[in-house]
Protein backbone atom coordinates (compact mmCIF):
# COMPACT_ATOMS: atom_id res chain seq x y z
CA MET A 1 21.03 7.25 -7.36
CA ALA A 2 19.91 6.65 -4.04
CA HIS A 3 22.25 7.41 -0.99
CA THR A 4 23.68 4.21 0.32
CA GLU A 5 26.15 3.84 2.84
CA LEU A 6 29.45 2.36 2.53
CA ASP A 7 29.09 -1.48 4.31
CA LEU A 8 31.44 -3.75 6.32
CA ARG A 9 32.85 -5.41 2.65
CA GLU A 10 33.48 -2.09 0.87
CA ARG A 11 35.20 -0.97 4.18
CA ARG A 12 37.39 -4.18 3.86
CA ALA A 13 38.15 -3.56 0.52
CA ILE A 14 39.61 -0.05 1.42
CA GLU A 15 41.77 -1.43 4.08
CA ASP A 16 43.29 -4.35 2.01
CA MET A 17 44.02 -2.01 -0.81
CA LEU A 18 45.51 0.72 1.17
CA ASN A 19 48.01 -1.77 2.81
CA ALA A 20 48.81 -2.48 -0.80
CA LYS A 21 49.64 1.00 -1.11
CA VAL A 22 46.82 1.53 -3.99
CA PRO A 23 46.03 5.15 -4.58
CA ILE A 24 42.59 6.46 -3.63
CA ALA A 25 41.56 7.26 -6.71
CA LYS A 26 42.04 3.80 -8.25
CA ILE A 27 40.61 2.31 -4.74
CA ALA A 28 37.37 4.32 -5.41
CA ALA A 29 37.32 2.92 -8.91
CA GLU A 30 37.60 -0.61 -7.52
CA ILE A 31 34.47 -0.52 -5.25
CA GLY A 32 32.42 1.73 -7.62
CA ARG A 33 32.50 4.87 -5.33
CA HIS A 34 33.38 8.62 -5.91
CA ARG A 35 36.81 9.40 -4.60
CA SER A 36 35.64 12.01 -2.28
CA THR A 37 33.54 9.31 -0.60
CA VAL A 38 37.18 7.52 -0.05
CA TYR A 39 38.89 10.30 0.91
CA ARG A 40 36.08 11.00 3.46
CA GLU A 41 35.83 7.65 4.87
CA VAL A 42 39.47 7.13 5.41
CA LYS A 43 39.55 10.86 7.29
CA ARG A 44 36.73 10.00 9.39
CA ASN A 45 37.37 6.58 10.60
CA TYR A 46 40.98 6.42 10.69
CA PHE A 47 42.33 4.58 13.85
CA GLU A 48 45.16 6.29 15.44
CA ASP A 49 47.19 4.63 18.73
CA GLU A 50 49.26 7.13 20.53
CA GLU A 51 50.78 4.50 22.99
CA ILE A 52 51.51 1.75 19.75
CA PRO A 53 51.78 4.19 16.84
CA TYR A 54 52.52 1.43 14.50
CA LEU A 55 48.81 0.12 15.01
CA THR A 56 47.49 3.77 13.61
CA GLY A 57 45.99 3.43 10.50
CA TYR A 58 42.67 2.33 8.82
CA TYR A 59 40.57 -0.54 9.58
CA GLY A 60 37.53 -1.85 7.94
CA MET A 61 35.83 -3.30 11.26
CA ILE A 62 36.81 -0.20 13.36
CA ALA A 63 35.41 1.80 10.81
CA GLN A 64 31.98 -0.03 10.31
CA ARG A 65 31.64 -0.09 14.47
CA ALA A 66 32.31 3.68 14.28
CA ALA A 67 29.56 4.30 11.72
CA SER A 68 27.39 2.70 13.38
CA ASP A 69 27.88 4.08 16.29
CA ARG A 70 27.39 7.66 14.94
CA ARG A 71 24.26 6.70 13.07
CA ALA A 72 23.31 5.38 16.70
CA ARG A 73 23.78 8.67 17.94
CA ARG A 74 22.04 10.45 15.57
CA ARG A 75 18.77 8.56 15.97
CA LYS A 76 16.98 9.93 18.73
CA LEU A 77 14.59 6.84 19.11
CA ILE A 78 17.74 4.89 19.83
CA ARG A 79 19.37 7.23 22.12
CA LEU A 80 16.34 8.44 24.38
CA ASP A 81 14.58 5.58 25.94
CA SER A 82 11.63 8.00 27.24
CA LEU A 83 10.84 9.09 23.89
CA ARG A 84 11.23 5.51 22.50
CA ALA A 85 8.84 4.06 25.33
CA HIS A 86 6.27 7.07 24.57
CA VAL A 87 6.14 6.33 20.78
CA ILE A 88 6.00 2.45 21.30
CA GLU A 89 3.10 2.52 23.67
CA ARG A 90 1.15 4.85 21.46
CA LEU A 91 1.57 2.41 18.35
CA GLU A 92 0.49 -0.19 20.46
CA VAL A 93 -2.69 1.48 21.29
CA GLY A 94 -3.29 1.78 17.23
CA TRP A 95 -2.15 5.48 16.70
CA THR A 96 -0.24 6.32 13.33
CA PRO A 97 2.96 7.66 13.16
CA GLU A 98 1.65 10.73 11.86
CA GLN A 99 -0.83 11.32 15.06
CA ILE A 100 2.00 10.54 17.12
CA ALA A 101 4.51 12.96 15.67
CA GLY A 102 1.50 15.56 15.89
CA ARG A 103 0.57 15.09 19.58
CA LEU A 104 4.20 14.99 21.29
CA GLY A 105 4.25 19.03 22.18
CA TYR A 106 0.85 18.05 23.65
CA ASP A 107 2.01 15.19 25.48
CA GLY A 108 4.65 16.93 27.31
CA GLN A 109 7.64 15.44 25.50
CA PRO A 110 10.40 18.01 25.36
CA LEU A 111 11.88 16.53 21.87
CA ARG A 112 10.26 16.18 18.67
CA VAL A 113 10.34 13.51 15.73
CA SER A 114 9.24 13.20 12.62
CA HIS A 115 6.58 10.89 11.36
CA GLU A 116 9.33 9.54 8.70
CA THR A 117 11.55 9.30 11.87
CA ILE A 118 9.03 7.08 13.59
CA TYR A 119 8.52 4.62 10.29
CA ALA A 120 12.15 4.65 9.98
CA TYR A 121 12.68 3.32 13.37
CA VAL A 122 9.81 0.82 13.15
CA TYR A 123 11.33 -0.89 10.16
CA SER A 124 14.78 -1.03 11.64
CA ARG A 125 16.79 -3.90 12.88
CA GLU A 126 15.31 -2.71 16.47
CA GLY A 127 12.05 -1.97 15.46
CA LYS A 128 11.72 -5.54 13.59
CA SER A 129 12.97 -7.12 16.93
CA GLU A 130 9.96 -5.79 18.61
CA GLN A 131 7.51 -6.56 15.80
CA LEU A 132 6.18 -2.99 15.65
CA ALA A 133 5.17 -2.78 12.24
CA ARG A 134 2.23 -5.01 13.23
CA HIS A 135 0.66 -2.39 14.90
CA LEU A 136 0.50 0.35 11.77
CA PRO A 137 -2.80 0.35 10.00
CA SER A 138 -0.98 -1.18 6.83
CA ARG A 139 2.35 -2.89 6.75
CA ARG A 140 4.92 -3.78 4.30
CA LYS A 141 8.17 -5.71 4.57
CA LYS A 142 10.44 -2.62 4.19
CA ARG A 143 9.85 1.18 4.29
CA ARG A 144 10.04 2.40 0.64
CA PRO A 145 12.57 5.78 0.66
CA ARG A 146 10.42 9.03 1.55
CA TYR A 147 10.84 10.25 -2.23
CA ALA A 148 9.96 7.14 -3.68
CA ARG A 149 6.63 7.09 -2.92
CA ARG A 150 4.21 8.63 -5.40
CA PRO A 151 0.93 10.96 -3.81
CA ARG A 152 -2.37 9.64 -4.06
CA GLY A 153 -3.38 12.82 -5.80
CA GLN A 154 -1.54 12.04 -8.89
CA VAL A 155 -3.39 8.47 -9.39
CA PHE A 156 -6.60 9.82 -8.74
CA PRO A 157 -7.09 13.51 -9.90
CA PRO A 158 -9.57 15.88 -7.98
CA ASP A 159 -11.90 15.78 -11.49
CA ARG A 160 -12.36 12.00 -10.61
CA SER A 161 -13.76 12.73 -7.16
CA ILE A 162 -17.32 11.49 -6.10
CA HIS A 163 -18.04 14.95 -5.58
CA GLN A 164 -18.06 15.17 -9.28
CA ARG A 165 -20.11 12.50 -10.58
CA PRO A 166 -23.20 13.80 -12.44
CA GLU A 167 -26.31 14.13 -10.73
CA HIS A 168 -28.54 11.09 -12.04
CA VAL A 169 -25.41 8.99 -10.69
CA LYS A 170 -25.58 10.70 -6.87
CA THR A 171 -29.66 9.94 -7.03
CA ARG A 172 -29.19 6.54 -8.75
CA GLU A 173 -31.79 7.49 -11.30
CA ALA A 174 -29.91 6.14 -14.39
CA PHE A 175 -29.22 2.61 -15.13
CA GLY A 176 -25.54 1.45 -15.86
CA ASP A 177 -23.54 3.08 -12.89
CA TRP A 178 -21.81 0.57 -10.42
CA GLU A 179 -19.80 0.34 -7.29
CA GLY A 180 -16.79 -1.81 -7.18
CA ASP A 181 -14.61 -3.35 -4.53
CA LEU A 182 -12.07 -5.98 -3.71
CA MET A 183 -12.58 -8.61 -1.21
CA ILE A 184 -9.31 -9.86 0.54
CA PHE A 185 -8.68 -13.21 2.18
CA GLU A 186 -6.18 -14.79 4.57
CA ARG A 187 -2.54 -14.22 3.21
CA SER A 188 -2.44 -18.25 3.99
CA THR A 189 -4.98 -18.68 1.22
CA GLY A 190 -2.74 -17.31 -1.42
CA LYS A 191 -2.94 -14.36 -3.72
CA MET A 192 -6.33 -14.52 -5.17
CA ASN A 193 -9.48 -12.18 -4.09
CA VAL A 194 -12.61 -11.62 -5.00
CA ALA A 195 -14.00 -8.61 -7.39
CA SER A 196 -17.32 -7.25 -6.30
CA LEU A 197 -19.65 -5.03 -8.50
CA VAL A 198 -23.25 -3.67 -7.83
CA GLU A 199 -24.95 -1.73 -9.90
CA ARG A 200 -26.49 1.25 -8.14
CA LYS A 201 -30.05 1.44 -9.63
CA THR A 202 -31.17 -1.96 -9.31
CA ARG A 203 -28.50 -3.46 -6.75
CA PHE A 204 -27.51 -6.13 -9.26
CA ALA A 205 -24.26 -7.80 -7.74
CA VAL A 206 -21.69 -9.77 -9.87
CA LEU A 207 -18.49 -11.47 -8.07
CA PHE A 208 -15.61 -12.88 -9.97
CA ARG A 209 -12.29 -14.36 -8.64
CA ASN A 210 -8.97 -12.48 -9.30
CA ASN A 211 -5.67 -14.26 -9.35
CA ASP A 212 -3.70 -11.26 -8.48
CA ARG A 213 -4.22 -7.79 -6.55
CA SER A 214 -2.45 -5.78 -9.44
CA SER A 215 -4.15 -3.10 -10.82
CA PRO A 216 -3.77 -4.31 -14.70
CA HIS A 217 -4.61 -7.49 -14.16
CA LEU A 218 -7.82 -6.41 -11.82
CA MET A 219 -8.90 -4.08 -14.89
CA ASN A 220 -8.38 -6.59 -17.52
CA LYS A 221 -10.76 -9.03 -15.72
CA LEU A 222 -13.48 -6.35 -15.30
CA MET A 223 -13.26 -5.28 -18.70
CA ASP A 224 -13.99 -8.79 -19.71
CA VAL A 225 -16.76 -8.92 -17.07
CA LEU A 226 -18.19 -5.87 -18.23
CA GLU A 227 -17.51 -5.56 -22.01
CA PRO A 228 -20.42 -8.13 -23.24
CA LEU A 229 -23.37 -5.73 -21.36
CA PRO A 230 -24.16 -2.62 -24.01
CA GLN A 231 -22.60 0.65 -23.46
CA PRO A 232 -25.24 2.43 -21.44
CA ALA A 233 -25.31 -0.61 -19.05
CA ARG A 234 -21.59 0.08 -17.85
CA ARG A 235 -21.47 3.87 -17.98
CA SER A 236 -19.27 4.53 -14.88
CA ILE A 237 -17.59 2.51 -11.42
CA THR A 238 -17.26 4.29 -8.38
CA PHE A 239 -13.92 2.66 -6.44
CA ASP A 240 -12.47 3.83 -3.36
CA ARG A 241 -8.82 4.91 -3.73
CA GLY A 242 -7.02 1.64 -2.88
CA PHE A 243 -3.66 1.00 -5.11
CA GLU A 244 -5.62 -1.72 -7.01
CA PHE A 245 -7.66 0.66 -8.94
CA ARG A 246 -4.86 3.05 -10.16
CA ALA A 247 -4.96 1.20 -13.45
CA TRP A 248 -8.58 2.86 -13.91
CA ARG A 249 -7.91 4.96 -17.20
CA LYS A 250 -7.88 1.34 -18.90
CA LEU A 251 -11.62 1.19 -18.57
CA LYS A 252 -12.11 4.49 -20.16
CA SER A 253 -9.91 3.74 -23.51
CA GLY A 254 -10.92 -0.19 -23.17
CA ILE A 255 -14.86 -0.64 -23.04
CA GLY A 256 -15.54 3.63 -22.71
CA THR A 257 -16.46 2.95 -18.71
CA GLU A 258 -15.82 6.46 -16.45
CA SER A 259 -14.37 5.96 -12.97
CA TRP A 260 -15.13 7.75 -9.98
CA PHE A 261 -13.17 7.63 -6.61
CA CYS A 262 -14.09 8.12 -2.83
CA ASP A 263 -12.57 10.32 -0.57
CA PRO A 264 -9.43 9.23 1.11
CA GLN A 265 -10.43 6.89 3.94
CA ALA A 266 -14.22 7.41 3.22
CA PRO A 267 -15.36 3.65 1.66
CA TRP A 268 -18.49 3.84 3.24
CA GLN A 269 -19.38 6.66 0.09
CA LYS A 270 -19.73 3.61 -1.97
CA GLY A 271 -22.22 2.00 0.27
CA SER A 272 -23.75 -0.44 -1.76
CA VAL A 273 -20.64 -2.37 -2.87
CA GLU A 274 -19.60 -2.38 1.19
CA ASN A 275 -23.22 -3.77 2.13
CA LEU A 276 -22.76 -6.43 -0.87
CA ASN A 277 -19.42 -7.63 0.68
CA LYS A 278 -20.92 -7.97 3.93
CA ARG A 279 -23.66 -10.17 2.62
CA ALA A 280 -20.96 -12.44 0.51
CA ARG A 281 -18.76 -13.05 3.51
CA ARG A 282 -21.53 -15.18 4.60
CA TYR A 283 -20.59 -17.80 1.82
CA LEU A 284 -17.05 -16.31 1.58
CA PRO A 285 -15.16 -15.94 4.73
CA ARG A 286 -11.67 -14.96 5.05
CA ASP A 287 -10.21 -18.30 5.27
CA THR A 288 -11.98 -19.53 1.95
CA GLN A 289 -10.06 -21.48 -0.38
CA LEU A 290 -10.70 -19.73 -3.59
CA ALA A 291 -8.76 -21.91 -5.63
CA ALA A 292 -10.81 -25.00 -4.54
CA LEU A 293 -13.85 -23.14 -5.41
CA SER A 294 -15.49 -23.78 -9.03
CA ASN A 295 -17.18 -21.45 -11.40
CA ARG A 296 -20.36 -22.78 -10.55
CA TYR A 297 -19.93 -22.24 -7.05
CA MET A 298 -19.32 -18.36 -7.62
CA LYS A 299 -22.45 -17.97 -10.09
CA ALA A 300 -24.42 -19.93 -7.51
CA ILE A 301 -23.58 -17.01 -4.36
CA CYS A 302 -24.43 -14.49 -7.27
CA ASP A 303 -27.73 -16.21 -8.11
CA ARG A 304 -28.71 -16.05 -4.61
CA LEU A 305 -27.87 -12.95 -3.73
CA ASN A 306 -29.72 -11.45 -6.52
CA GLY A 307 -32.51 -13.49 -6.17
CA THR A 308 -33.23 -12.24 -2.50
CA PRO A 309 -35.93 -9.50 -1.78
CA ARG A 310 -34.52 -5.98 -1.00
CA LYS A 311 -36.79 -3.75 1.19
CA CYS A 312 -34.95 -0.73 -0.89
CA LEU A 313 -36.26 -2.33 -3.81
CA GLY A 314 -39.54 -2.79 -2.67
CA TRP A 315 -39.26 -6.41 -2.00
CA ARG A 316 -38.73 -6.88 -5.60
CA THR A 317 -35.36 -9.07 -6.33
CA PRO A 318 -32.55 -7.31 -8.13
CA ARG A 319 -32.27 -10.42 -10.85
CA TRP A 320 -35.53 -10.47 -12.21
CA CYS A 321 -37.61 -7.40 -11.69
CA ASN A 322 -34.89 -4.86 -11.64
CA PHE A 323 -31.93 -5.75 -13.69
CA ARG A 324 -33.47 -7.59 -16.36
CA GLU A 325 -35.92 -5.25 -17.03
CA GLU A 326 -33.39 -2.37 -17.47
CA LEU A 327 -31.61 -4.41 -20.15
CA MET A 328 -34.66 -4.94 -22.14
CA LYS A 329 -35.18 -1.39 -22.03
CA LEU A 330 -31.67 -0.94 -24.04
CA ARG A 331 -32.80 -3.20 -26.77
C-alpha cells in the first residue's frame, strides 16, 4: 500500500474522538489507520500552552499546519531561494531535471538535490502555480510514484533492439519489412491520431486513422490493416520506443509479424517512416480535424504519396513499379 500523509479531515476526526475520550485503538480503526500512526500523530502534534494550561490538547487544524511546516522545512526547493531560482532558470531553457541535478556541482551550487526532488517540486502546488511542467520534454498531469514506473527495458527487451535485426532487413534487400510510427495532432482536435507505415524496400506508404493512443488498440488496428497481405509481405516492423508500441507482442501471436525497436531517443534510426511523416504533414497538419476526414480522403493521400516518383527508387513510384511487383512475386 502506498504511503499517504494524514489529511485535515482525519486530524479533525482524531480531535473529535479524543475530546469524546475514545481510546486510540478505536480511533485508528474508525479512520482506517494503524494505531501506531495515531499514537505518533498525537504525540508529535500535541499543543501545549504554558500560560493557559486548559487550552493544552490536540487540535486538528494546528496539527495540519505543523505537519505542512515540517514538510516545507524538509523540501530544499521550498526553503532555499537561490537553489530554487537556479533550478527554475535551467528548466526554462529546456534542461531536464536529471541534467539539472547532474550539473549542480559544476555550476557552483553548494547543495545538491536529486532529479526526483526537482520533479516533485515541478508537480507540487508551488510548481503548478508557476506552470513549470510546461518546460519538461514530456509532461503529465501529475508525477507518478517513482517505483510505480516500469523501466522501458522490461517493455522493449535487448533482443528486440534494432541492432539485432537480420542483415537482410538492414540492407533493404528483402521485401516485407516495415517501419511504423504514430502522427500526433493538437490536443484540441481530440484523441484521434494517424498511424504511418512504410515498407523499407519499396517505400510503399500506408496511413490510417486511429481513435486511441492505447497500445492494444493500435496493435489491433495494425493487424487489421496488415493481415490481408501474404505472410512474407509483413515479416517485421521497426518502431521507436514510444509507449503506444508496448503491446508489440500481439503482432507476433496475432499475424506472425516480428517487432524491432530503435535505441532510446533515436527515432532517426527509422528514417523511412520519419520521412513519410514529414511528407504527409503537407496534407495532415497538426491542427487537422481527423474526425471530419473521410476514408476516401485518407486513401487519396496514400495514393498521392505512393504515386510520387522517388529518387531512391530510380525515379520509379512505390505503388506501381515496386510494391505491386513484389506482391506478384509472392503469388
